[in-house]
């Protein structure tokens, strides 16, 4: 998956999130797309930047990727 595709998914998850759940959606993005993020030729910070959110959220995406090894998604509402 290309960085631009990942960025579009992140953008949708972040900006369409319920009030107070935006950062949780960033973590969920990292969990759900960890394999695609790791195989992409760009950094998590750049994906965040392309999505129109702060590059600092790259750290939060990486946290989600690490959590992805240990958790599974129950449901996405």
N, C-alpha and C. Protein backbone atom coordinates (compact mmCIF):
# COMPACT_ATOMS: atom_id res chain seq x y z
N UNK A 1 0.85 -1.17 0.00
CA UNK A 1 0.00 0.00 0.00
C UNK A 1 0.90 1.24 0.00
N UNK A 2 0.53 2.21 -0.77
CA UNK A 2 1.30 3.45 -0.88
C UNK A 2 1.06 4.35 0.33
N UNK A 3 2.03 5.21 0.60
CA UNK A 3 1.93 6.15 1.72
C UNK A 3 0.69 7.04 1.57
N UNK A 4 0.38 7.45 0.37
CA UNK A 4 -0.79 8.32 0.16
C UNK A 4 -2.09 7.60 0.51
N UNK A 5 -2.17 6.31 0.24
CA UNK A 5 -3.36 5.54 0.60
C UNK A 5 -3.50 5.42 2.12
N UNK A 6 -2.38 5.12 2.77
CA UNK A 6 -2.38 5.04 4.23
C UNK A 6 -2.76 6.38 4.84
N UNK A 7 -2.23 7.44 4.28
CA UNK A 7 -2.53 8.79 4.78
C UNK A 7 -4.02 9.10 4.64
N UNK A 8 -4.62 8.70 3.55
CA UNK A 8 -6.05 8.95 3.35
C UNK A 8 -6.88 8.18 4.38
N UNK A 9 -6.50 6.95 4.66
CA UNK A 9 -7.21 6.16 5.68
C UNK A 9 -7.07 6.83 7.05
N UNK A 10 -5.85 7.22 7.39
CA UNK A 10 -5.61 7.90 8.67
C UNK A 10 -6.42 9.19 8.76
N UNK A 11 -6.42 9.95 7.70
CA UNK A 11 -7.16 11.22 7.67
C UNK A 11 -8.64 10.98 7.97
N UNK A 12 -9.20 9.99 7.33
CA UNK A 12 -10.62 9.66 7.53
C UNK A 12 -10.86 9.22 8.97
N UNK A 13 -10.02 8.32 9.46
CA UNK A 13 -10.20 7.83 10.83
C UNK A 13 -10.07 8.95 11.85
N UNK A 14 -9.12 9.85 11.64
CA UNK A 14 -8.87 10.93 12.59
C UNK A 14 -9.98 11.98 12.55
N UNK A 15 -10.27 12.49 11.37
CA UNK A 15 -11.21 13.60 11.26
C UNK A 15 -12.68 13.18 11.38
N UNK A 16 -12.97 11.90 11.16
CA UNK A 16 -14.34 11.41 11.32
C UNK A 16 -14.59 10.78 12.69
N UNK A 17 -13.61 10.85 13.58
CA UNK A 17 -13.74 10.22 14.89
C UNK A 17 -14.73 10.99 15.77
N UNK A 18 -15.26 10.29 16.74
CA UNK A 18 -16.14 10.93 17.72
C UNK A 18 -15.31 11.84 18.61
N UNK A 19 -15.97 12.79 19.25
CA UNK A 19 -15.28 13.72 20.15
C UNK A 19 -14.51 12.94 21.22
N UNK A 20 -13.25 13.31 21.39
CA UNK A 20 -12.41 12.70 22.40
C UNK A 20 -11.77 11.39 22.00
N UNK A 21 -11.98 10.94 20.77
CA UNK A 21 -11.46 9.65 20.34
C UNK A 21 -10.43 9.75 19.22
N UNK A 22 -9.99 10.95 18.90
CA UNK A 22 -9.08 11.12 17.76
C UNK A 22 -7.75 10.39 17.97
N UNK A 23 -7.16 10.53 19.14
CA UNK A 23 -5.88 9.86 19.39
C UNK A 23 -6.06 8.34 19.44
N UNK A 24 -7.19 7.89 19.97
CA UNK A 24 -7.48 6.46 19.97
C UNK A 24 -7.56 5.94 18.53
N UNK A 25 -8.10 6.75 17.63
CA UNK A 25 -8.19 6.34 16.23
C UNK A 25 -6.80 6.25 15.59
N UNK A 26 -5.88 7.11 16.03
CA UNK A 26 -4.51 7.03 15.54
C UNK A 26 -3.87 5.72 15.99
N UNK A 27 -4.08 5.36 17.25
CA UNK A 27 -3.57 4.09 17.75
C UNK A 27 -4.20 2.92 17.00
N UNK A 28 -5.51 3.00 16.79
CA UNK A 28 -6.21 1.95 16.07
C UNK A 28 -5.69 1.82 14.64
N UNK A 29 -5.40 2.94 14.02
CA UNK A 29 -4.81 2.92 12.68
C UNK A 29 -3.51 2.13 12.70
N UNK A 30 -2.65 2.39 13.68
CA UNK A 30 -1.39 1.67 13.79
C UNK A 30 -1.59 0.18 14.01
N UNK A 31 -2.57 -0.16 14.84
CA UNK A 31 -2.87 -1.57 15.10
C UNK A 31 -3.37 -2.25 13.83
N UNK A 32 -4.33 -1.64 13.19
CA UNK A 32 -5.00 -2.25 12.03
C UNK A 32 -4.11 -2.35 10.80
N UNK A 33 -3.26 -1.35 10.59
CA UNK A 33 -2.46 -1.29 9.36
C UNK A 33 -0.97 -1.47 9.62
N UNK A 34 -0.59 -2.12 10.71
CA UNK A 34 0.81 -2.22 11.10
C UNK A 34 1.67 -2.85 10.01
N UNK A 35 1.19 -3.90 9.37
CA UNK A 35 1.99 -4.56 8.34
C UNK A 35 2.19 -3.65 7.13
N UNK A 36 1.14 -2.95 6.73
CA UNK A 36 1.24 -2.03 5.60
C UNK A 36 2.16 -0.86 5.91
N UNK A 37 2.08 -0.37 7.14
CA UNK A 37 2.93 0.76 7.56
C UNK A 37 4.39 0.33 7.55
N UNK A 38 4.67 -0.85 8.09
CA UNK A 38 6.04 -1.34 8.15
C UNK A 38 6.63 -1.59 6.76
N UNK A 39 5.80 -2.01 5.82
CA UNK A 39 6.30 -2.32 4.48
C UNK A 39 6.35 -1.09 3.57
N UNK A 40 5.79 0.02 4.04
CA UNK A 40 5.79 1.26 3.27
C UNK A 40 7.17 1.91 3.34
N UNK A 41 7.57 2.58 2.27
CA UNK A 41 8.89 3.20 2.20
C UNK A 41 8.91 4.62 2.76
N UNK A 42 8.16 4.86 3.83
CA UNK A 42 8.18 6.17 4.46
C UNK A 42 7.95 6.01 5.95
N UNK A 43 8.16 7.06 6.69
CA UNK A 43 8.01 7.01 8.14
C UNK A 43 6.56 7.23 8.55
N UNK A 44 6.27 6.83 9.78
CA UNK A 44 4.95 7.09 10.34
C UNK A 44 4.70 8.60 10.45
N UNK A 45 5.75 9.35 10.77
CA UNK A 45 5.62 10.81 10.85
C UNK A 45 5.21 11.40 9.51
N UNK A 46 5.76 10.87 8.43
CA UNK A 46 5.41 11.37 7.10
C UNK A 46 3.98 10.99 6.74
N UNK A 47 3.54 9.81 7.13
CA UNK A 47 2.15 9.40 6.88
C UNK A 47 1.22 10.38 7.60
N UNK A 48 1.56 10.71 8.85
CA UNK A 48 0.75 11.67 9.60
C UNK A 48 0.72 13.02 8.90
N UNK A 49 1.88 13.47 8.45
CA UNK A 49 1.95 14.76 7.75
C UNK A 49 1.10 14.74 6.49
N UNK A 50 1.18 13.67 5.71
CA UNK A 50 0.38 13.54 4.49
C UNK A 50 -1.11 13.52 4.79
N UNK A 51 -1.47 13.04 6.00
CA UNK A 51 -2.87 12.97 6.40
C UNK A 51 -3.40 14.31 6.90
N UNK A 52 -2.50 15.27 7.07
CA UNK A 52 -2.93 16.59 7.52
C UNK A 52 -3.00 16.73 9.03
N UNK A 53 -2.31 15.83 9.74
CA UNK A 53 -2.21 15.93 11.20
C UNK A 53 -0.75 16.16 11.56
N UNK A 54 -0.51 16.49 12.80
CA UNK A 54 0.85 16.77 13.25
C UNK A 54 1.78 15.57 13.03
N UNK A 55 2.99 15.86 12.59
CA UNK A 55 3.99 14.81 12.42
C UNK A 55 4.29 14.12 13.75
N UNK A 56 4.05 14.81 14.85
CA UNK A 56 4.28 14.23 16.17
C UNK A 56 3.42 12.99 16.40
N UNK A 57 2.31 12.88 15.69
CA UNK A 57 1.46 11.71 15.81
C UNK A 57 2.12 10.46 15.23
N UNK A 58 3.23 10.62 14.55
CA UNK A 58 3.99 9.46 14.08
C UNK A 58 4.36 8.55 15.24
N UNK A 59 4.68 9.14 16.38
CA UNK A 59 4.99 8.37 17.58
C UNK A 59 3.79 7.56 18.03
N UNK A 60 2.62 8.16 17.96
CA UNK A 60 1.39 7.46 18.36
C UNK A 60 1.05 6.34 17.38
N UNK A 61 1.31 6.56 16.11
CA UNK A 61 1.11 5.50 15.11
C UNK A 61 2.04 4.32 15.44
N UNK A 62 3.29 4.63 15.77
CA UNK A 62 4.25 3.57 16.12
C UNK A 62 3.82 2.80 17.37
N UNK A 63 3.24 3.50 18.33
CA UNK A 63 2.71 2.82 19.52
C UNK A 63 1.62 1.83 19.12
N UNK A 64 0.75 2.26 18.22
CA UNK A 64 -0.30 1.37 17.73
C UNK A 64 0.27 0.16 17.01
N UNK A 65 1.31 0.38 16.21
CA UNK A 65 1.95 -0.73 15.50
C UNK A 65 2.51 -1.75 16.49
N UNK A 66 3.12 -1.26 17.55
CA UNK A 66 3.66 -2.16 18.57
C UNK A 66 2.55 -2.90 19.30
N UNK A 67 1.46 -2.22 19.59
CA UNK A 67 0.32 -2.86 20.24
C UNK A 67 -0.31 -3.92 19.34
N UNK A 68 -0.24 -3.72 18.04
CA UNK A 68 -0.84 -4.65 17.09
C UNK A 68 -0.33 -6.07 17.22
N UNK A 69 0.84 -6.22 17.77
CA UNK A 69 1.42 -7.55 18.00
C UNK A 69 0.68 -8.28 19.11
N UNK A 70 0.03 -7.54 20.00
CA UNK A 70 -0.57 -8.11 21.19
C UNK A 70 -2.10 -8.04 21.27
N UNK A 71 -2.72 -7.24 20.43
CA UNK A 71 -4.17 -7.06 20.53
C UNK A 71 -4.84 -7.36 19.19
N UNK A 72 -6.14 -7.57 19.26
CA UNK A 72 -6.91 -7.71 18.04
C UNK A 72 -8.11 -6.76 18.13
N UNK A 73 -8.63 -6.41 16.99
CA UNK A 73 -9.74 -5.45 16.92
C UNK A 73 -11.04 -6.21 17.11
N UNK A 74 -11.86 -5.74 18.05
CA UNK A 74 -13.16 -6.36 18.29
C UNK A 74 -14.17 -5.86 17.27
N UNK A 75 -14.28 -4.53 17.17
CA UNK A 75 -15.18 -3.94 16.18
C UNK A 75 -14.82 -2.49 16.01
N UNK A 76 -15.11 -1.98 14.84
CA UNK A 76 -14.89 -0.58 14.55
C UNK A 76 -16.23 0.01 14.22
N UNK A 77 -16.63 0.99 15.01
CA UNK A 77 -17.95 1.60 14.83
C UNK A 77 -17.81 2.91 14.13
